[in-house]
Amino acid sequence: MDDHGGQEEYIRQVLEAYRQTPGTMGTVRRADRILAAQLYQRGLSVKVIENALVLAATRRLIRPADAPPLGAIRSLAYFLPVIEEVLELRVGPDYFDYLRHKLTRAGSSRSIGVQRPHDAAGRG
C-alpha cells in the first residue's frame, strides 16, 4: 500500500487527490475523511484511488459539446463505484497516464496523482 506515513498520511494523500480532481467542489468534508479511513482499512493503495479519480474525471470532461453541464461532485463517495471498477480493470499503467494526459489537454487546471512506477491497477 502507498501509505508510507501510516493512516493519517494515507488519508491526507487521498483527500488531496480528491480535492484536486476536476469536477469536485475542491473541499473536503468530514464524511470524505471517514471514507478515506475506510479505504485505508480495506487496504487499497493511494494509486488505485488516484486512478479511479482520473478515470471518472476524464469521463465527465470528455463529453459531447452539446451535452448538458454536470454539477460539481460533492463527496468522495461519488467515486466508490469507479474505485471498484479500477480494481477489476486489467490495463497497464500507461492507460492511466494517457487519461491524465487527456485531462490536461481538456483544459483541467488540476492534476491528479504523481507520476511514479505502479502496477496495472495501482496495487502495490
N, C-alpha and C. Protein backbone atom coordinates (compact mmCIF):
# COMPACT_ATOMS: atom_id res chain seq x y z
N MET A 1 0.84 -1.18 0.00
CA MET A 1 0.00 0.00 0.00
C MET A 1 0.89 1.24 0.00
N ASP A 2 0.44 2.36 -0.57
CA ASP A 2 1.21 3.58 -0.71
C ASP A 2 1.11 4.48 0.52
N ASP A 3 1.00 3.96 1.70
CA ASP A 3 0.73 4.80 2.87
C ASP A 3 1.95 4.96 3.75
N HIS A 4 3.09 5.26 3.17
CA HIS A 4 4.36 5.26 3.88
C HIS A 4 4.31 5.92 5.26
N GLY A 5 3.45 6.86 5.50
CA GLY A 5 3.38 7.52 6.80
C GLY A 5 2.24 7.03 7.66
N GLY A 6 1.67 5.91 7.38
CA GLY A 6 0.57 5.39 8.17
C GLY A 6 -0.78 5.93 7.72
N GLN A 7 -1.78 5.68 8.53
CA GLN A 7 -3.15 6.03 8.17
C GLN A 7 -3.34 7.51 7.92
N GLU A 8 -2.79 8.35 8.77
CA GLU A 8 -3.00 9.80 8.60
C GLU A 8 -2.41 10.31 7.29
N GLU A 9 -1.23 9.82 6.93
CA GLU A 9 -0.61 10.22 5.67
C GLU A 9 -1.43 9.70 4.48
N TYR A 10 -1.91 8.48 4.58
CA TYR A 10 -2.77 7.91 3.55
C TYR A 10 -4.00 8.78 3.35
N ILE A 11 -4.67 9.12 4.44
CA ILE A 11 -5.88 9.94 4.37
C ILE A 11 -5.55 11.30 3.75
N ARG A 12 -4.44 11.89 4.14
CA ARG A 12 -4.02 13.18 3.57
C ARG A 12 -3.84 13.06 2.06
N GLN A 13 -3.16 12.01 1.61
CA GLN A 13 -2.91 11.83 0.18
C GLN A 13 -4.20 11.62 -0.60
N VAL A 14 -5.09 10.79 -0.08
CA VAL A 14 -6.36 10.51 -0.76
C VAL A 14 -7.20 11.79 -0.82
N LEU A 15 -7.30 12.51 0.28
CA LEU A 15 -8.12 13.71 0.30
C LEU A 15 -7.54 14.81 -0.58
N GLU A 16 -6.23 14.90 -0.64
CA GLU A 16 -5.61 15.89 -1.52
C GLU A 16 -5.87 15.53 -2.99
N ALA A 17 -5.76 14.26 -3.33
CA ALA A 17 -6.07 13.83 -4.70
C ALA A 17 -7.53 14.13 -5.04
N TYR A 18 -8.42 13.84 -4.11
CA TYR A 18 -9.85 14.14 -4.30
C TYR A 18 -10.06 15.65 -4.49
N ARG A 19 -9.46 16.43 -3.62
CA ARG A 19 -9.61 17.89 -3.67
C ARG A 19 -9.13 18.45 -5.00
N GLN A 20 -8.10 17.86 -5.58
CA GLN A 20 -7.53 18.33 -6.83
C GLN A 20 -8.24 17.78 -8.07
N THR A 21 -9.18 16.88 -7.88
CA THR A 21 -9.86 16.26 -9.02
C THR A 21 -10.78 17.24 -9.72
N PRO A 22 -10.61 17.39 -11.04
CA PRO A 22 -11.52 18.26 -11.80
C PRO A 22 -12.97 17.80 -11.63
N GLY A 23 -13.86 18.76 -11.45
CA GLY A 23 -15.27 18.43 -11.29
C GLY A 23 -15.73 18.35 -9.85
N THR A 24 -14.77 18.33 -8.91
CA THR A 24 -15.16 18.31 -7.50
C THR A 24 -15.28 19.75 -6.99
N MET A 25 -15.89 19.90 -5.84
CA MET A 25 -16.02 21.22 -5.23
C MET A 25 -14.65 21.74 -4.77
N GLY A 26 -13.69 20.85 -4.59
CA GLY A 26 -12.37 21.27 -4.13
C GLY A 26 -12.29 21.39 -2.62
N THR A 27 -13.33 20.94 -1.94
CA THR A 27 -13.35 20.98 -0.48
C THR A 27 -13.54 19.57 0.06
N VAL A 28 -13.10 19.37 1.29
CA VAL A 28 -13.19 18.07 1.94
C VAL A 28 -14.12 18.19 3.13
N ARG A 29 -15.03 17.23 3.23
CA ARG A 29 -15.97 17.21 4.35
C ARG A 29 -15.61 16.07 5.31
N ARG A 30 -16.22 16.07 6.45
CA ARG A 30 -15.96 15.02 7.45
C ARG A 30 -16.25 13.64 6.89
N ALA A 31 -17.35 13.51 6.13
CA ALA A 31 -17.70 12.21 5.55
C ALA A 31 -16.61 11.72 4.59
N ASP A 32 -15.94 12.63 3.89
CA ASP A 32 -14.86 12.26 2.99
C ASP A 32 -13.68 11.70 3.78
N ARG A 33 -13.37 12.34 4.90
CA ARG A 33 -12.27 11.88 5.76
C ARG A 33 -12.58 10.48 6.32
N ILE A 34 -13.82 10.25 6.72
CA ILE A 34 -14.22 8.94 7.23
C ILE A 34 -14.09 7.88 6.14
N LEU A 35 -14.55 8.21 4.93
CA LEU A 35 -14.45 7.27 3.82
C LEU A 35 -13.00 6.96 3.49
N ALA A 36 -12.13 7.97 3.51
CA ALA A 36 -10.70 7.75 3.24
C ALA A 36 -10.12 6.77 4.27
N ALA A 37 -10.52 6.90 5.52
CA ALA A 37 -10.06 5.97 6.56
C ALA A 37 -10.56 4.55 6.27
N GLN A 38 -11.79 4.44 5.79
CA GLN A 38 -12.34 3.13 5.45
C GLN A 38 -11.58 2.51 4.27
N LEU A 39 -11.20 3.33 3.30
CA LEU A 39 -10.42 2.83 2.17
C LEU A 39 -9.06 2.33 2.64
N TYR A 40 -8.47 3.04 3.58
CA TYR A 40 -7.21 2.60 4.19
C TYR A 40 -7.40 1.24 4.86
N GLN A 41 -8.48 1.11 5.63
CA GLN A 41 -8.75 -0.15 6.32
C GLN A 41 -8.96 -1.31 5.35
N ARG A 42 -9.48 -1.01 4.17
CA ARG A 42 -9.66 -2.04 3.13
C ARG A 42 -8.34 -2.43 2.48
N GLY A 43 -7.30 -1.64 2.70
CA GLY A 43 -6.00 -1.95 2.13
C GLY A 43 -5.81 -1.49 0.70
N LEU A 44 -6.61 -0.53 0.27
CA LEU A 44 -6.49 -0.03 -1.10
C LEU A 44 -5.35 0.98 -1.19
N SER A 45 -4.56 0.88 -2.23
CA SER A 45 -3.44 1.81 -2.38
C SER A 45 -3.94 3.18 -2.81
N VAL A 46 -3.15 4.19 -2.51
CA VAL A 46 -3.46 5.54 -2.95
C VAL A 46 -3.53 5.57 -4.48
N LYS A 47 -2.69 4.81 -5.14
CA LYS A 47 -2.67 4.80 -6.61
C LYS A 47 -3.99 4.29 -7.17
N VAL A 48 -4.61 3.30 -6.55
CA VAL A 48 -5.92 2.82 -7.00
C VAL A 48 -6.93 3.97 -6.92
N ILE A 49 -6.91 4.69 -5.81
CA ILE A 49 -7.84 5.80 -5.63
C ILE A 49 -7.57 6.88 -6.67
N GLU A 50 -6.30 7.25 -6.84
CA GLU A 50 -5.96 8.26 -7.85
C GLU A 50 -6.40 7.83 -9.24
N ASN A 51 -6.18 6.57 -9.58
CA ASN A 51 -6.59 6.08 -10.90
C ASN A 51 -8.10 6.16 -11.08
N ALA A 52 -8.84 5.87 -10.05
CA ALA A 52 -10.31 5.97 -10.12
C ALA A 52 -10.74 7.43 -10.30
N LEU A 53 -10.09 8.33 -9.59
CA LEU A 53 -10.42 9.74 -9.73
C LEU A 53 -10.13 10.22 -11.15
N VAL A 54 -9.01 9.79 -11.70
CA VAL A 54 -8.65 10.16 -13.07
C VAL A 54 -9.66 9.60 -14.07
N LEU A 55 -10.02 8.34 -13.92
CA LEU A 55 -10.98 7.72 -14.83
C LEU A 55 -12.32 8.44 -14.80
N ALA A 56 -12.84 8.68 -13.63
CA ALA A 56 -14.14 9.35 -13.50
C ALA A 56 -14.08 10.79 -14.03
N ALA A 57 -13.03 11.51 -13.68
CA ALA A 57 -12.90 12.91 -14.13
C ALA A 57 -12.79 12.98 -15.65
N THR A 58 -12.06 12.05 -16.24
CA THR A 58 -11.92 12.03 -17.70
C THR A 58 -13.27 11.77 -18.35
N ARG A 59 -14.01 10.82 -17.83
CA ARG A 59 -15.35 10.53 -18.37
C ARG A 59 -16.26 11.76 -18.30
N ARG A 60 -16.15 12.51 -17.22
CA ARG A 60 -17.00 13.69 -17.07
C ARG A 60 -16.58 14.83 -17.98
N LEU A 61 -15.29 14.96 -18.23
CA LEU A 61 -14.80 16.08 -19.03
C LEU A 61 -14.85 15.83 -20.54
N ILE A 62 -14.66 14.59 -20.93
CA ILE A 62 -14.63 14.26 -22.36
C ILE A 62 -16.04 13.82 -22.75
N ARG A 63 -16.87 14.79 -23.02
CA ARG A 63 -18.28 14.55 -23.34
C ARG A 63 -18.65 15.36 -24.57
N PRO A 64 -19.75 14.99 -25.21
CA PRO A 64 -20.19 15.78 -26.38
C PRO A 64 -20.40 17.24 -25.99
N ALA A 65 -20.09 18.13 -26.92
CA ALA A 65 -20.20 19.56 -26.66
C ALA A 65 -21.62 19.99 -26.33
N ASP A 66 -22.60 19.28 -26.88
CA ASP A 66 -23.99 19.67 -26.65
C ASP A 66 -24.63 18.97 -25.44
N ALA A 67 -23.83 18.20 -24.70
CA ALA A 67 -24.35 17.53 -23.51
C ALA A 67 -24.62 18.57 -22.42
N PRO A 68 -25.66 18.36 -21.62
CA PRO A 68 -25.94 19.32 -20.54
C PRO A 68 -24.80 19.32 -19.52
N PRO A 69 -24.55 20.45 -18.90
CA PRO A 69 -23.46 20.52 -17.92
C PRO A 69 -23.75 19.63 -16.71
N LEU A 70 -22.69 19.12 -16.14
CA LEU A 70 -22.81 18.29 -14.95
C LEU A 70 -22.55 19.14 -13.71
N GLY A 71 -23.23 18.82 -12.64
CA GLY A 71 -23.00 19.52 -11.38
C GLY A 71 -21.68 19.09 -10.76
N ALA A 72 -21.22 19.87 -9.82
CA ALA A 72 -19.97 19.56 -9.12
C ALA A 72 -20.15 18.32 -8.25
N ILE A 73 -19.08 17.56 -8.14
CA ILE A 73 -19.04 16.38 -7.25
C ILE A 73 -18.81 16.90 -5.84
N ARG A 74 -19.65 16.47 -4.92
CA ARG A 74 -19.59 16.99 -3.55
C ARG A 74 -19.12 15.99 -2.51
N SER A 75 -18.78 14.76 -2.96
CA SER A 75 -18.41 13.74 -2.00
C SER A 75 -17.45 12.72 -2.62
N LEU A 76 -16.50 12.30 -1.83
CA LEU A 76 -15.60 11.23 -2.25
C LEU A 76 -16.38 9.95 -2.55
N ALA A 77 -17.51 9.77 -1.90
CA ALA A 77 -18.33 8.58 -2.11
C ALA A 77 -18.80 8.44 -3.56
N TYR A 78 -18.89 9.53 -4.28
CA TYR A 78 -19.26 9.50 -5.70
C TYR A 78 -18.36 8.54 -6.47
N PHE A 79 -17.11 8.43 -6.05
CA PHE A 79 -16.12 7.65 -6.77
C PHE A 79 -16.07 6.17 -6.38
N LEU A 80 -16.84 5.75 -5.39
CA LEU A 80 -16.77 4.35 -4.94
C LEU A 80 -17.00 3.34 -6.06
N PRO A 81 -18.02 3.50 -6.92
CA PRO A 81 -18.19 2.52 -7.99
C PRO A 81 -17.01 2.49 -8.96
N VAL A 82 -16.39 3.63 -9.18
CA VAL A 82 -15.24 3.68 -10.09
C VAL A 82 -14.01 3.05 -9.43
N ILE A 83 -13.87 3.21 -8.12
CA ILE A 83 -12.79 2.53 -7.41
C ILE A 83 -12.92 1.03 -7.57
N GLU A 84 -14.14 0.52 -7.41
CA GLU A 84 -14.37 -0.92 -7.60
C GLU A 84 -14.05 -1.33 -9.04
N GLU A 85 -14.42 -0.50 -9.99
CA GLU A 85 -14.14 -0.78 -11.40
C GLU A 85 -12.63 -0.84 -11.65
N VAL A 86 -11.89 0.10 -11.10
CA VAL A 86 -10.43 0.12 -11.27
C VAL A 86 -9.81 -1.15 -10.71
N LEU A 87 -10.33 -1.62 -9.59
CA LEU A 87 -9.81 -2.85 -9.00
C LEU A 87 -9.98 -4.04 -9.94
N GLU A 88 -11.01 -4.01 -10.78
CA GLU A 88 -11.28 -5.11 -11.70
C GLU A 88 -10.61 -4.96 -13.05
N LEU A 89 -10.15 -3.74 -13.38
CA LEU A 89 -9.55 -3.50 -14.69
C LEU A 89 -8.24 -4.26 -14.85
N ARG A 90 -8.02 -4.69 -16.06
CA ARG A 90 -6.76 -5.36 -16.39
C ARG A 90 -6.08 -4.57 -17.51
N VAL A 91 -5.68 -3.36 -17.17
CA VAL A 91 -4.99 -2.50 -18.12
C VAL A 91 -3.63 -2.10 -17.53
N GLY A 92 -2.74 -1.72 -18.40
CA GLY A 92 -1.41 -1.31 -17.95
C GLY A 92 -1.43 0.10 -17.38
N PRO A 93 -0.37 0.46 -16.69
CA PRO A 93 -0.27 1.80 -16.08
C PRO A 93 -0.29 2.91 -17.13
N ASP A 94 0.12 2.59 -18.36
CA ASP A 94 0.12 3.60 -19.41
C ASP A 94 -1.28 4.12 -19.70
N TYR A 95 -2.30 3.30 -19.47
CA TYR A 95 -3.68 3.73 -19.70
C TYR A 95 -4.03 4.92 -18.80
N PHE A 96 -3.68 4.83 -17.54
CA PHE A 96 -4.00 5.91 -16.61
C PHE A 96 -3.14 7.14 -16.88
N ASP A 97 -1.90 6.92 -17.34
CA ASP A 97 -1.06 8.06 -17.75
C ASP A 97 -1.70 8.75 -18.96
N TYR A 98 -2.23 7.96 -19.89
CA TYR A 98 -2.93 8.51 -21.06
C TYR A 98 -4.13 9.35 -20.60
N LEU A 99 -4.90 8.84 -19.64
CA LEU A 99 -6.06 9.59 -19.14
C LEU A 99 -5.64 10.89 -18.47
N ARG A 100 -4.54 10.86 -17.72
CA ARG A 100 -4.03 12.09 -17.10
C ARG A 100 -3.68 13.11 -18.19
N HIS A 101 -3.09 12.62 -19.27
CA HIS A 101 -2.75 13.49 -20.39
C HIS A 101 -4.03 14.07 -21.01
N LYS A 102 -5.06 13.25 -21.18
CA LYS A 102 -6.34 13.72 -21.73
C LYS A 102 -6.93 14.81 -20.84
N LEU A 103 -6.86 14.63 -19.54
CA LEU A 103 -7.38 15.65 -18.61
C LEU A 103 -6.63 16.96 -18.80
N THR A 104 -5.33 16.88 -18.93
CA THR A 104 -4.53 18.08 -19.13
C THR A 104 -4.93 18.77 -20.43
N ARG A 105 -5.07 18.00 -21.48
CA ARG A 105 -5.43 18.56 -22.79
C ARG A 105 -6.86 19.11 -22.79
N ALA A 106 -7.71 18.58 -21.94
CA ALA A 106 -9.09 19.05 -21.87
C ALA A 106 -9.19 20.39 -21.12
N GLY A 107 -8.06 20.86 -20.65
CA GLY A 107 -8.05 22.17 -20.02
C GLY A 107 -8.20 22.14 -18.52
N SER A 108 -8.03 20.97 -17.92
CA SER A 108 -8.14 20.89 -16.47
C SER A 108 -7.01 21.67 -15.82
N SER A 109 -7.36 22.48 -14.85
CA SER A 109 -6.33 23.24 -14.13
C SER A 109 -5.80 22.46 -12.93
N ARG A 110 -6.41 21.31 -12.67
CA ARG A 110 -5.97 20.49 -11.54
C ARG A 110 -5.31 19.23 -12.08
N SER A 111 -4.45 18.65 -11.30
CA SER A 111 -3.77 17.43 -11.71
C SER A 111 -3.88 16.40 -10.61
N ILE A 112 -4.17 15.15 -11.00
CA ILE A 112 -4.36 14.09 -10.03
C ILE A 112 -3.18 13.14 -10.09
N GLY A 113 -2.56 12.91 -8.97
CA GLY A 113 -1.54 11.88 -8.89
C GLY A 113 -0.18 12.34 -9.37
N VAL A 114 0.80 11.72 -8.83
CA VAL A 114 2.18 11.98 -9.18
C VAL A 114 2.65 10.82 -10.03
N GLN A 115 3.39 11.11 -11.09
CA GLN A 115 3.92 10.05 -11.92
C GLN A 115 4.92 9.24 -11.10
N ARG A 116 4.64 7.95 -10.94
CA ARG A 116 5.57 7.06 -10.26
C ARG A 116 5.29 5.63 -10.71
N PRO A 117 6.25 4.74 -10.59
CA PRO A 117 6.03 3.36 -11.03
C PRO A 117 4.88 2.73 -10.26
N HIS A 118 4.08 1.94 -10.96
CA HIS A 118 2.95 1.26 -10.35
C HIS A 118 2.54 0.09 -11.23
N ASP A 119 1.77 -0.83 -10.68
CA ASP A 119 1.32 -1.97 -11.48
C ASP A 119 0.02 -1.64 -12.19
N ALA A 120 -0.58 -2.61 -12.85
CA ALA A 120 -1.71 -2.38 -13.74
C ALA A 120 -2.85 -1.62 -13.10
N ALA A 121 -3.30 -1.99 -11.95
CA ALA A 121 -4.41 -1.30 -11.33
C ALA A 121 -3.94 -0.38 -10.21
N GLY A 122 -2.66 -0.30 -9.99
CA GLY A 122 -2.14 0.58 -8.96
C GLY A 122 -2.03 -0.06 -7.61
N ARG A 123 -2.16 -1.37 -7.53
CA ARG A 123 -2.00 -2.03 -6.24
C ARG A 123 -0.50 -2.15 -5.98
N GLY A 124 -0.09 -1.89 -4.79
CA GLY A 124 1.33 -2.11 -4.59
C GLY A 124 1.91 -1.52 -3.41
